[in-house]
Amino acid sequence: MRRFHIEHRTVYRYSEPVRFGLHRLVLRPREGHDITVVRHDLIVQPEAKFFWLTDLYGNSIAIAEMPKMADRLEIVNRVILERASSAEDEAPRRISRPSLVSLPVAYPQMEQPVVNGYLQPVYPEDQPVIGQWTAAQMESHPATTAVAAVAHLNRCIHQQIRYRRREERGVQTPANTLTFNTGSCRDMATLLMEACRSLGLAARFASGYLDAAAATAGRGSTHAWVEVYFPDNGWCGFDPTVGEALSPKHVTLGVSAHPRGVMPVSGIYDGPPGCYLGMEVAVTIREGPGDVMPEAAVKVTGLS
């Protein structure tokens, strides 16, 4: 087992005290057969009361209520997790067994009601453009299996779309991403998700952390990618920003059928116009033993 220490600090600043509405925090890593959360500390200033719930997608969500007004909102997420290690820790995760599922995919009848929710496009008006682009990519490189098809589309987006960090909230429409040939990681993930759905593949948006010190695409606090459901291999992750399948460097915080469903921090405040001054985000990560995040942690080079 390998132990990792992660700290994610977000600070919002205002010119004068404001009143905060409920805030939705998607900040607890999803656990599974390869990841165990050893410790999770969530600290909010001004002091907050938390109500925890599990949403429709199995994400652990904290609803924060902050009764006091303040000119600064600080959210610190500290996580210690353990991950099963192997000789291929630095390599992209391989499909657990060779997939023989071809396109179009026939999902089991008992799974179809759930699968349908991951087949509906988020941007139906963009479907003609997405469908045309997807068909062109598949024509140039015919895939023998559904997994190969997604891996090919993943590489195409990585090769054709230039990474550009965007400070604007939300995601760019897939049609605009294709028109501009640029986008953030969340824009590329949305394009891949919609392209997979146009092929009849169940796909979902994922958000989390990426220990990408070797990457040169950009810096940021969180990252986004896509998971696609194959009947014989379950949910498998693909990261179009790096053009590869997921690796142990990815830590998933949340998944959703819609990109807005996994925003790490979302909420409202009540204050005079123009009082919002901006936000600051910093993520640190360290691998090693211990139960306390060190004061001097190594800063992660991530993508946003």
C-alpha atoms as a PDB file:
ATOM      1  CA  MET A   1       0.000   0.000   0.000  1.00  0.00           C
ATOM      2  CA  ARG A   2       1.118   3.549  -0.747  1.00  0.00           C
ATOM      3  CA  ARG A   3       0.000   6.420   1.514  1.00  0.00           C
ATOM      4  CA  PHE A   4      -0.684   9.912   0.173  1.00  0.00           C
ATOM      5  CA  HIS A   5      -1.351  13.197   2.003  1.00  0.00           C
ATOM      6  CA  ILE A   6      -3.419  15.785   0.115  1.00  0.00           C
ATOM      7  CA  GLU A   7      -4.363  19.306   1.116  1.00  0.00           C
ATOM      8  CA  HIS A   8      -6.740  21.398  -0.990  1.00  0.00           C
ATOM      9  CA  ARG A   9      -7.205  24.988   0.201  1.00  0.00           C
ATOM     10  CA  THR A  10      -9.770  27.360  -1.336  1.00  0.00           C
ATOM     11  CA  VAL A  11     -10.168  30.992  -0.228  1.00  0.00           C
ATOM     12  CA  TYR A  12     -12.885  33.429  -1.343  1.00  0.00           C
ATOM     13  CA  ARG A  13     -12.404  37.122  -0.516  1.00  0.00           C
ATOM     14  CA  TYR A  14     -14.945  39.945  -0.274  1.00  0.00           C
ATOM     15  CA  SER A  15     -14.588  43.709   0.274  1.00  0.00           C
ATOM     16  CA  GLU A  16     -16.934  43.551   3.284  1.00  0.00           C
ATOM     17  CA  PRO A  17     -18.724  40.901   5.341  1.00  0.00           C
ATOM     18  CA  VAL A  18     -21.332  38.922   3.387  1.00  0.00           C
ATOM     19  CA  ARG A  19     -23.922  36.347   4.356  1.00  0.00           C
ATOM     20  CA  PHE A  20     -23.343  32.825   3.072  1.00  0.00           C
ATOM     21  CA  GLY A  21     -26.012  30.465   1.810  1.00  0.00           C
ATOM     22  CA  LEU A  22     -25.651  26.690   1.904  1.00  0.00           C
ATOM     23  CA  HIS A  23     -22.503  25.396   0.208  1.00  0.00           C
ATOM     24  CA  ARG A  24     -22.229  21.973  -1.443  1.00  0.00           C
ATOM     25  CA  LEU A  25     -18.791  20.382  -1.079  1.00  0.00           C
ATOM     26  CA  VAL A  26     -17.687  17.405  -3.193  1.00  0.00           C
ATOM     27  CA  LEU A  27     -14.342  16.898  -1.484  1.00  0.00           C
ATOM     28  CA  ARG A  28     -14.205  13.384  -0.042  1.00  0.00           C
ATOM     29  CA  PRO A  29     -12.417  10.892  -2.334  1.00  0.00           C
ATOM     30  CA  ARG A  30     -14.456   7.951  -3.573  1.00  0.00           C
ATOM     31  CA  GLU A  31     -13.271   4.689  -2.042  1.00  0.00           C
ATOM     32  CA  GLY A  32     -13.058   1.298  -3.715  1.00  0.00           C
ATOM     33  CA  HIS A  33     -11.037  -1.869  -4.045  1.00  0.00           C
ATOM     34  CA  ASP A  34      -7.870   0.167  -4.707  1.00  0.00           C
ATOM     35  CA  ILE A  35      -8.363   3.276  -2.526  1.00  0.00           C
ATOM     36  CA  THR A  36      -9.072   3.652   1.205  1.00  0.00           C
ATOM     37  CA  VAL A  37      -9.536   7.001   2.966  1.00  0.00           C
ATOM     38  CA  VAL A  38      -7.545   6.752   6.189  1.00  0.00           C
ATOM     39  CA  ARG A  39      -8.411  10.225   7.446  1.00  0.00           C
ATOM     40  CA  HIS A  40     -10.479  13.133   6.163  1.00  0.00           C
ATOM     41  CA  ASP A  41     -10.548  16.584   7.786  1.00  0.00           C
ATOM     42  CA  LEU A  42     -12.762  19.322   6.356  1.00  0.00           C
ATOM     43  CA  ILE A  43     -12.237  22.752   7.923  1.00  0.00           C
ATOM     44  CA  VAL A  44     -14.283  25.830   7.049  1.00  0.00           C
ATOM     45  CA  GLN A  45     -13.932  29.416   8.286  1.00  0.00           C
ATOM     46  CA  PRO A  46     -16.208  31.042   9.306  1.00  0.00           C
ATOM     47  CA  GLU A  47     -17.253  28.059  11.375  1.00  0.00           C
ATOM     48  CA  ALA A  48     -19.659  25.755   9.598  1.00  0.00           C
ATOM     49  CA  LYS A  49     -22.160  23.070  10.503  1.00  0.00           C
ATOM     50  CA  PHE A  50     -22.014  20.034   8.214  1.00  0.00           C
ATOM     51  CA  PHE A  51     -24.747  17.760   6.986  1.00  0.00           C
ATOM     52  CA  TRP A  52     -23.408  14.723   5.132  1.00  0.00           C
ATOM     53  CA  LEU A  53     -25.299  12.794   2.482  1.00  0.00           C
ATOM     54  CA  THR A  54     -24.714  10.263  -0.272  1.00  0.00           C
ATOM     55  CA  ASP A  55     -26.071  11.485  -3.595  1.00  0.00           C
ATOM     56  CA  LEU A  56     -27.603   9.555  -6.482  1.00  0.00           C
ATOM     57  CA  TYR A  57     -24.157   8.751  -7.910  1.00  0.00           C
ATOM     58  CA  GLY A  58     -22.685   7.441  -4.668  1.00  0.00           C
ATOM     59  CA  ASN A  59     -20.639  10.580  -3.935  1.00  0.00           C
ATOM     60  CA  SER A  60     -20.125  11.710  -0.329  1.00  0.00           C
ATOM     61  CA  ILE A  61     -21.457  15.270  -0.201  1.00  0.00           C
ATOM     62  CA  ALA A  62     -21.055  17.760   2.642  1.00  0.00           C
ATOM     63  CA  ILE A  63     -23.633  20.532   2.928  1.00  0.00           C
ATOM     64  CA  ALA A  64     -22.065  23.403   4.862  1.00  0.00           C
ATOM     65  CA  GLU A  65     -24.146  25.954   6.769  1.00  0.00           C
ATOM     66  CA  MET A  66     -22.284  29.078   7.919  1.00  0.00           C
ATOM     67  CA  PRO A  67     -24.441  31.270  10.188  1.00  0.00           C
ATOM     68  CA  LYS A  68     -21.831  34.025  10.680  1.00  0.00           C
ATOM     69  CA  MET A  69     -21.098  36.788   8.189  1.00  0.00           C
ATOM     70  CA  ALA A  70     -17.490  37.255   7.065  1.00  0.00           C
ATOM     71  CA  ASP A  71     -15.365  38.936   4.403  1.00  0.00           C
ATOM     72  CA  ARG A  72     -13.409  35.734   3.815  1.00  0.00           C
ATOM     73  CA  LEU A  73     -14.451  32.123   3.257  1.00  0.00           C
ATOM     74  CA  GLU A  74     -11.727  29.505   3.613  1.00  0.00           C
ATOM     75  CA  ILE A  75     -12.286  25.808   2.902  1.00  0.00           C
ATOM     76  CA  VAL A  76      -9.457  23.404   3.695  1.00  0.00           C
ATOM     77  CA  ASN A  77      -9.755  19.775   2.629  1.00  0.00           C
ATOM     78  CA  ARG A  78      -7.140  17.424   4.128  1.00  0.00           C
ATOM     79  CA  VAL A  79      -7.070  13.789   3.115  1.00  0.00           C
ATOM     80  CA  ILE A  80      -4.837  10.850   3.930  1.00  0.00           C
ATOM     81  CA  LEU A  81      -5.484   7.894   1.667  1.00  0.00           C
ATOM     82  CA  GLU A  82      -3.914   4.555   0.899  1.00  0.00           C
ATOM     83  CA  ARG A  83      -3.755   3.066  -2.550  1.00  0.00           C
ATOM     84  CA  ALA A  84      -2.979  -0.501  -3.530  1.00  0.00           C
ATOM     85  CA  SER A  85       0.422  -0.517  -5.214  1.00  0.00           C
ATOM     86  CA  SER A  86       1.804  -2.545  -8.089  1.00  0.00           C
ATOM     87  CA  ALA A  87       4.779  -2.655 -10.392  1.00  0.00           C
ATOM     88  CA  GLU A  88       2.819  -0.545 -12.903  1.00  0.00           C
ATOM     89  CA  ASP A  89       1.959   2.336 -10.578  1.00  0.00           C
ATOM     90  CA  GLU A  90       3.278   4.976 -12.948  1.00  0.00           C
ATOM     91  CA  ALA A  91       1.545   3.536 -16.012  1.00  0.00           C
ATOM     92  CA  PRO A  92      -2.041   4.137 -17.114  1.00  0.00           C
ATOM     93  CA  ARG A  93      -4.458   1.635 -15.635  1.00  0.00           C
ATOM     94  CA  ARG A  94      -5.073  -1.200 -18.019  1.00  0.00           C
ATOM     95  CA  ILE A  95      -8.460  -2.764 -18.612  1.00  0.00           C
ATOM     96  CA  SER A  96      -8.695  -5.598 -16.103  1.00  0.00           C
ATOM     97  CA  ARG A  97      -9.245  -8.130 -18.875  1.00  0.00           C
ATOM     98  CA  PRO A  98      -9.350  -7.958 -22.673  1.00  0.00           C
ATOM     99  CA  SER A  99     -12.676  -6.521 -23.807  1.00  0.00           C
ATOM    100  CA  LEU A 100     -14.540  -8.167 -26.657  1.00  0.00           C
ATOM    101  CA  VAL A 101     -17.502  -5.774 -26.608  1.00  0.00           C
ATOM    102  CA  SER A 102     -17.984  -4.149 -29.987  1.00  0.00           C
ATOM    103  CA  LEU A 103     -20.027  -1.193 -31.208  1.00  0.00           C
ATOM    104  CA  PRO A 104     -22.933  -0.756 -30.918  1.00  0.00           C
ATOM    105  CA  VAL A 105     -22.853  -1.910 -27.299  1.00  0.00           C
ATOM    106  CA  ALA A 106     -25.741  -4.034 -26.056  1.00  0.00           C
ATOM    107  CA  TYR A 107     -26.110  -3.388 -22.321  1.00  0.00           C
ATOM    108  CA  PRO A 108     -27.808  -6.021 -20.112  1.00  0.00           C
ATOM    109  CA  GLN A 109     -31.545  -5.432 -19.785  1.00  0.00           C
ATOM    110  CA  MET A 110     -31.353  -5.145 -16.000  1.00  0.00           C
ATOM    111  CA  GLU A 111     -28.800  -2.307 -16.324  1.00  0.00           C
ATOM    112  CA  GLN A 112     -30.578  -0.443 -19.103  1.00  0.00           C
ATOM    113  CA  PRO A 113     -32.682   1.890 -16.889  1.00  0.00           C
ATOM    114  CA  VAL A 114     -29.519   3.189 -15.219  1.00  0.00           C
ATOM    115  CA  VAL A 115     -27.498   3.214 -18.440  1.00  0.00           C
ATOM    116  CA  ASN A 116     -30.139   5.423 -20.080  1.00  0.00           C
ATOM    117  CA  GLY A 117     -29.301   8.242 -17.696  1.00  0.00           C
ATOM    118  CA  TYR A 118     -25.702   8.223 -18.912  1.00  0.00           C
ATOM    119  CA  LEU A 119     -26.690   8.197 -22.584  1.00  0.00           C
ATOM    120  CA  GLN A 120     -28.671  11.467 -22.604  1.00  0.00           C
ATOM    121  CA  PRO A 121     -26.615  14.350 -24.051  1.00  0.00           C
ATOM    122  CA  VAL A 122     -25.972  17.393 -21.893  1.00  0.00           C
ATOM    123  CA  TYR A 123     -25.828  19.554 -25.038  1.00  0.00           C
ATOM    124  CA  PRO A 124     -28.474  18.116 -27.415  1.00  0.00           C
ATOM    125  CA  GLU A 125     -28.184  21.130 -29.726  1.00  0.00           C
ATOM    126  CA  ASP A 126     -24.511  20.230 -30.320  1.00  0.00           C
ATOM    127  CA  GLN A 127     -25.221  16.617 -31.256  1.00  0.00           C
ATOM    128  CA  PRO A 128     -25.047  17.136 -35.055  1.00  0.00           C
ATOM    129  CA  VAL A 129     -21.583  18.701 -34.764  1.00  0.00           C
ATOM    130  CA  ILE A 130     -20.405  16.137 -32.218  1.00  0.00           C
ATOM    131  CA  GLY A 131     -21.767  13.258 -34.273  1.00  0.00           C
ATOM    132  CA  GLN A 132     -20.062  14.498 -37.429  1.00  0.00           C
ATOM    133  CA  TRP A 133     -16.724  14.954 -35.651  1.00  0.00           C
ATOM    134  CA  THR A 134     -16.967  11.554 -33.952  1.00  0.00           C
ATOM    135  CA  ALA A 135     -17.840   9.793 -37.203  1.00  0.00           C
ATOM    136  CA  ALA A 136     -14.856  11.407 -38.929  1.00  0.00           C
ATOM    137  CA  GLN A 137     -12.473  10.214 -36.211  1.00  0.00           C
ATOM    138  CA  MET A 138     -13.856   6.675 -36.323  1.00  0.00           C
ATOM    139  CA  GLU A 139     -13.677   6.556 -40.121  1.00  0.00           C
ATOM    140  CA  SER A 140      -9.983   7.435 -40.074  1.00  0.00           C
ATOM    141  CA  HIS A 141      -9.221   4.746 -37.496  1.00  0.00           C
ATOM    142  CA  PRO A 142     -11.770   1.916 -37.405  1.00  0.00           C
ATOM    143  CA  ALA A 143     -11.866   0.346 -33.930  1.00  0.00           C
ATOM    144  CA  THR A 144     -12.411  -3.377 -33.360  1.00  0.00           C
ATOM    145  CA  THR A 145     -13.840  -2.962 -29.839  1.00  0.00           C
ATOM    146  CA  ALA A 146     -15.735  -0.334 -27.860  1.00  0.00           C
ATOM    147  CA  VAL A 147     -12.721   0.144 -25.577  1.00  0.00           C
ATOM    148  CA  ALA A 148     -10.485   0.774 -28.586  1.00  0.00           C
ATOM    149  CA  ALA A 149     -12.991   3.285 -29.929  1.00  0.00           C
ATOM    150  CA  VAL A 150     -12.981   5.323 -26.708  1.00  0.00           C
ATOM    151  CA  ALA A 151      -9.193   5.155 -26.427  1.00  0.00           C
ATOM    152  CA  HIS A 152      -8.962   6.488 -29.987  1.00  0.00           C
ATOM    153  CA  LEU A 153     -11.362   9.374 -29.339  1.00  0.00           C
ATOM    154  CA  ASN A 154      -9.441  10.141 -26.149  1.00  0.00           C
ATOM    155  CA  ARG A 155      -6.196  10.452 -28.124  1.00  0.00           C
ATOM    156  CA  CYS A 156      -7.872  12.507 -30.858  1.00  0.00           C
ATOM    157  CA  ILE A 157      -9.056  15.129 -28.384  1.00  0.00           C
ATOM    158  CA  HIS A 158      -5.608  15.231 -26.784  1.00  0.00           C
ATOM    159  CA  GLN A 159      -3.979  15.753 -30.192  1.00  0.00           C
ATOM    160  CA  GLN A 160      -6.491  18.192 -31.664  1.00  0.00           C
ATOM    161  CA  ILE A 161      -7.550  20.353 -28.711  1.00  0.00           C
ATOM    162  CA  ARG A 162      -4.918  22.630 -27.212  1.00  0.00           C
ATOM    163  CA  TYR A 163      -5.095  22.946 -23.440  1.00  0.00           C
ATOM    164  CA  ARG A 164      -6.044  26.425 -22.223  1.00  0.00           C
ATOM    165  CA  ARG A 165      -6.735  27.260 -18.639  1.00  0.00           C
ATOM    166  CA  ARG A 166     -10.002  29.170 -18.265  1.00  0.00           C
ATOM    167  CA  GLU A 167     -10.950  31.165 -15.189  1.00  0.00           C
ATOM    168  CA  GLU A 168     -14.625  31.344 -16.210  1.00  0.00           C
ATOM    169  CA  ARG A 169     -17.038  29.122 -14.310  1.00  0.00           C
ATOM    170  CA  GLY A 170     -18.718  26.164 -15.933  1.00  0.00           C
ATOM    171  CA  VAL A 171     -17.811  24.293 -19.091  1.00  0.00           C
ATOM    172  CA  GLN A 172     -17.485  25.346 -22.680  1.00  0.00           C
ATOM    173  CA  THR A 173     -19.943  23.781 -25.109  1.00  0.00           C
ATOM    174  CA  PRO A 174     -18.479  20.879 -27.123  1.00  0.00           C
ATOM    175  CA  ALA A 175     -19.236  22.758 -30.373  1.00  0.00           C
ATOM    176  CA  ASN A 176     -17.184  25.743 -29.161  1.00  0.00           C
ATOM    177  CA  THR A 177     -14.348  23.464 -28.060  1.00  0.00           C
ATOM    178  CA  LEU A 178     -14.228  22.006 -31.572  1.00  0.00           C
ATOM    179  CA  THR A 179     -14.505  25.457 -33.171  1.00  0.00           C
ATOM    180  CA  PHE A 180     -11.781  27.055 -31.042  1.00  0.00           C
ATOM    181  CA  ASN A 181      -9.612  23.909 -30.871  1.00  0.00           C
ATOM    182  CA  THR A 182      -8.820  24.929 -27.284  1.00  0.00           C
ATOM    183  CA  GLY A 183     -10.294  24.164 -23.901  1.00  0.00           C
ATOM    184  CA  SER A 184      -9.686  23.395 -20.254  1.00  0.00           C
ATOM    185  CA  CYS A 185      -9.601  19.861 -18.893  1.00  0.00           C
ATOM    186  CA  ARG A 186     -13.301  20.066 -18.062  1.00  0.00           C
ATOM    187  CA  ASP A 187     -14.056  21.218 -21.631  1.00  0.00           C
ATOM    188  CA  MET A 188     -12.127  18.293 -23.101  1.00  0.00           C
ATOM    189  CA  ALA A 189     -13.821  15.867 -20.714  1.00  0.00           C
ATOM    190  CA  THR A 190     -17.253  17.191 -21.699  1.00  0.00           C
ATOM    191  CA  LEU A 191     -16.433  16.743 -25.386  1.00  0.00           C
ATOM    192  CA  LEU A 192     -15.289  13.152 -24.831  1.00  0.00           C
ATOM    193  CA  MET A 193     -18.342  12.363 -22.716  1.00  0.00           C
ATOM    194  CA  GLU A 194     -20.721  13.690 -25.370  1.00  0.00           C
ATOM    195  CA  ALA A 195     -18.816  11.930 -28.178  1.00  0.00           C
ATOM    196  CA  CYS A 196     -19.071   8.607 -26.332  1.00  0.00           C
ATOM    197  CA  ARG A 197     -22.785   9.116 -25.775  1.00  0.00           C
ATOM    198  CA  SER A 198     -23.237   9.795 -29.499  1.00  0.00           C
ATOM    199  CA  LEU A 199     -21.872   6.265 -30.063  1.00  0.00           C
ATOM    200  CA  GLY A 200     -24.355   4.776 -27.598  1.00  0.00           C
ATOM    201  CA  LEU A 201     -21.801   4.417 -24.793  1.00  0.00           C
ATOM    202  CA  ALA A 202     -22.751   5.216 -21.196  1.00  0.00           C
ATOM    203  CA  ALA A 203     -20.349   7.928 -20.016  1.00  0.00           C
ATOM    204  CA  ARG A 204     -20.037  10.133 -16.953  1.00  0.00           C
ATOM    205  CA  PHE A 205     -18.046  13.197 -15.905  1.00  0.00           C
ATOM    206  CA  ALA A 206     -15.454  12.777 -13.134  1.00  0.00           C
ATOM    207  CA  SER A 207     -13.680  15.381 -11.017  1.00  0.00           C
ATOM    208  CA  GLY A 208     -10.768  15.017  -8.639  1.00  0.00           C
ATOM    209  CA  TYR A 209      -7.049  15.478  -8.176  1.00  0.00           C
ATOM    210  CA  LEU A 210      -4.172  14.675 -10.493  1.00  0.00           C
ATOM    211  CA  ASP A 211      -0.613  14.370  -9.262  1.00  0.00           C
ATOM    212  CA  ALA A 212       0.793  15.656 -12.532  1.00  0.00           C
ATOM    213  CA  ALA A 213       4.206  17.029 -11.627  1.00  0.00           C
ATOM    214  CA  ALA A 214       5.569  15.794 -14.973  1.00  0.00           C
ATOM    215  CA  ALA A 215       2.753  17.362 -16.992  1.00  0.00           C
ATOM    216  CA  THR A 216       3.316  20.692 -18.744  1.00  0.00           C
ATOM    217  CA  ALA A 217      -0.245  21.486 -19.823  1.00  0.00           C
ATOM    218  CA  GLY A 218      -1.049  23.793 -16.915  1.00  0.00           C
ATOM    219  CA  ARG A 219      -1.472  24.291 -13.166  1.00  0.00           C
ATOM    220  CA  GLY A 220      -4.549  24.160 -10.979  1.00  0.00           C
ATOM    221  CA  SER A 221      -6.298  22.607  -8.048  1.00  0.00           C
ATOM    222  CA  THR A 222      -8.651  20.097  -9.583  1.00  0.00           C
ATOM    223  CA  HIS A 223      -8.853  18.022 -12.715  1.00  0.00           C
ATOM    224  CA  ALA A 224     -11.563  16.436 -14.841  1.00  0.00           C
ATOM    225  CA  TRP A 225     -11.842  13.302 -16.967  1.00  0.00           C
ATOM    226  CA  VAL A 226     -14.421  10.777 -18.190  1.00  0.00           C
ATOM    227  CA  GLU A 227     -15.496   7.298 -17.146  1.00  0.00           C
ATOM    228  CA  VAL A 228     -17.152   4.987 -19.676  1.00  0.00           C
ATOM    229  CA  TYR A 229     -19.174   1.904 -18.765  1.00  0.00           C
ATOM    230  CA  PHE A 230     -18.391  -1.371 -20.535  1.00  0.00           C
ATOM    231  CA  PRO A 231     -20.543  -4.437 -19.723  1.00  0.00           C
ATOM    232  CA  ASP A 232     -17.489  -6.682 -19.298  1.00  0.00           C
ATOM    233  CA  ASN A 233     -15.172  -4.245 -17.487  1.00  0.00           C
ATOM    234  CA  GLY A 234     -17.395  -1.780 -15.637  1.00  0.00           C
ATOM    235  CA  TRP A 235     -16.490   1.904 -15.358  1.00  0.00           C
ATOM    236  CA  CYS A 236     -13.114   2.703 -16.976  1.00  0.00           C
ATOM    237  CA  GLY A 237     -11.473   6.127 -16.891  1.00  0.00           C
ATOM    238  CA  PHE A 238     -10.028   8.095 -19.806  1.00  0.00           C
ATOM    239  CA  ASP A 239      -8.248  11.454 -19.508  1.00  0.00           C
ATOM    240  CA  PRO A 240      -8.286  13.431 -22.782  1.00  0.00           C
ATOM    241  CA  THR A 241      -6.056  16.170 -21.378  1.00  0.00           C
ATOM    242  CA  VAL A 242      -3.153  13.718 -21.186  1.00  0.00           C
ATOM    243  CA  GLY A 243      -4.488  11.391 -23.883  1.00  0.00           C
ATOM    244  CA  GLU A 244      -4.282   8.225 -21.791  1.00  0.00           C
ATOM    245  CA  ALA A 245      -6.317   5.969 -19.557  1.00  0.00           C
ATOM    246  CA  LEU A 246      -6.426   6.842 -15.868  1.00  0.00           C
ATOM    247  CA  SER A 247      -3.372   6.098 -13.757  1.00  0.00           C
ATOM    248  CA  PRO A 248      -2.824   5.813  -9.984  1.00  0.00           C
ATOM    249  CA  LYS A 249      -2.051   9.550 -10.072  1.00  0.00           C
ATOM    250  CA  HIS A 250      -5.781  10.256 -10.445  1.00  0.00           C
ATOM    251  CA  VAL A 251      -7.890  10.580  -7.281  1.00  0.00           C
ATOM    252  CA  THR A 252     -11.642  10.765  -7.886  1.00  0.00           C
ATOM    253  CA  LEU A 253     -13.750  13.068  -5.721  1.00  0.00           C
ATOM    254  CA  GLY A 254     -17.048  12.755  -7.558  1.00  0.00           C
ATOM    255  CA  VAL A 255     -18.823  11.473 -10.656  1.00  0.00           C
ATOM    256  CA  SER A 256     -22.026  12.663 -12.319  1.00  0.00           C
ATOM    257  CA  ALA A 257     -24.040  12.491 -15.515  1.00  0.00           C
ATOM    258  CA  HIS A 258     -23.597  16.283 -15.748  1.00  0.00           C
ATOM    259  CA  PRO A 259     -20.396  18.366 -15.321  1.00  0.00           C
ATOM    260  CA  ARG A 260     -22.114  20.663 -12.815  1.00  0.00           C
ATOM    261  CA  GLY A 261     -22.824  17.720 -10.516  1.00  0.00           C
ATOM    262  CA  VAL A 262     -19.233  17.423  -9.301  1.00  0.00           C
ATOM    263  CA  MET A 263     -18.072  20.990  -8.781  1.00  0.00           C
ATOM    264  CA  PRO A 264     -15.758  20.721  -5.723  1.00  0.00           C
ATOM    265  CA  VAL A 265     -17.299  23.833  -4.129  1.00  0.00           C
ATOM    266  CA  SER A 266     -20.604  25.438  -5.039  1.00  0.00           C
ATOM    267  CA  GLY A 267     -22.817  27.831  -3.136  1.00  0.00           C
ATOM    268  CA  ILE A 268     -24.215  31.341  -2.890  1.00  0.00           C
ATOM    269  CA  TYR A 269     -23.612  34.479  -0.858  1.00  0.00           C
ATOM    270  CA  ASP A 270     -25.588  37.658  -0.212  1.00  0.00           C
ATOM    271  CA  GLY A 271     -23.711  40.931  -0.406  1.00  0.00           C
ATOM    272  CA  PRO A 272     -23.602  44.282  -2.242  1.00  0.00           C
ATOM    273  CA  PRO A 273     -22.745  44.288  -5.977  1.00  0.00           C
ATOM    274  CA  GLY A 274     -19.034  44.200  -6.692  1.00  0.00           C
ATOM    275  CA  CYS A 275     -18.000  42.991  -3.237  1.00  0.00           C
ATOM    276  CA  TYR A 276     -16.508  39.735  -4.527  1.00  0.00           C
ATOM    277  CA  LEU A 277     -12.754  40.205  -4.877  1.00  0.00           C
ATOM    278  CA  GLY A 278     -11.730  36.785  -6.165  1.00  0.00           C
ATOM    279  CA  MET A 279     -10.547  33.363  -5.076  1.00  0.00           C
ATOM    280  CA  GLU A 280      -7.288  31.528  -4.464  1.00  0.00           C
ATOM    281  CA  VAL A 281      -6.733  27.782  -4.753  1.00  0.00           C
ATOM    282  CA  ALA A 282      -3.731  25.692  -3.727  1.00  0.00           C
ATOM    283  CA  VAL A 283      -3.269  21.922  -3.689  1.00  0.00           C
ATOM    284  CA  THR A 284      -0.388  20.095  -2.047  1.00  0.00           C
ATOM    285  CA  ILE A 285       0.426  16.418  -2.024  1.00  0.00           C
ATOM    286  CA  ARG A 286       3.020  14.210  -0.376  1.00  0.00           C
ATOM    287  CA  GLU A 287       3.614  10.504  -0.394  1.00  0.00           C
ATOM    288  CA  GLY A 288       4.867   8.870   2.762  1.00  0.00           C
ATOM    289  CA  PRO A 289       3.937   7.486   6.192  1.00  0.00           C
ATOM    290  CA  GLY A 290       2.268   9.368   9.016  1.00  0.00           C
ATOM    291  CA  ASP A 291      -1.167  10.587  10.043  1.00  0.00           C
ATOM    292  CA  VAL A 292      -0.631  14.358   9.843  1.00  0.00           C
ATOM    293  CA  MET A 293      -0.230  16.584   6.802  1.00  0.00           C
ATOM    294  CA  PRO A 294       3.198  18.265   7.086  1.00  0.00           C
ATOM    295  CA  GLU A 295       3.418  22.052   7.055  1.00  0.00           C
ATOM    296  CA  ALA A 296       5.827  22.006   4.125  1.00  0.00           C
ATOM    297  CA  ALA A 297       4.140  19.803   1.561  1.00  0.00           C
ATOM    298  CA  VAL A 298       5.052  19.544  -2.092  1.00  0.00           C
ATOM    299  CA  LYS A 299       2.875  21.551  -4.426  1.00  0.00           C
ATOM    300  CA  VAL A 300       1.085  19.542  -7.097  1.00  0.00           C
ATOM    301  CA  THR A 301       1.257  20.531 -10.702  1.00  0.00           C
ATOM    302  CA  GLY A 302      -2.333  19.938 -11.702  1.00  0.00           C
ATOM    303  CA  LEU A 303      -4.745  20.847 -14.458  1.00  0.00           C
ATOM    304  CA  SER A 304      -7.918  22.884 -14.304  1.00  0.00           C
END
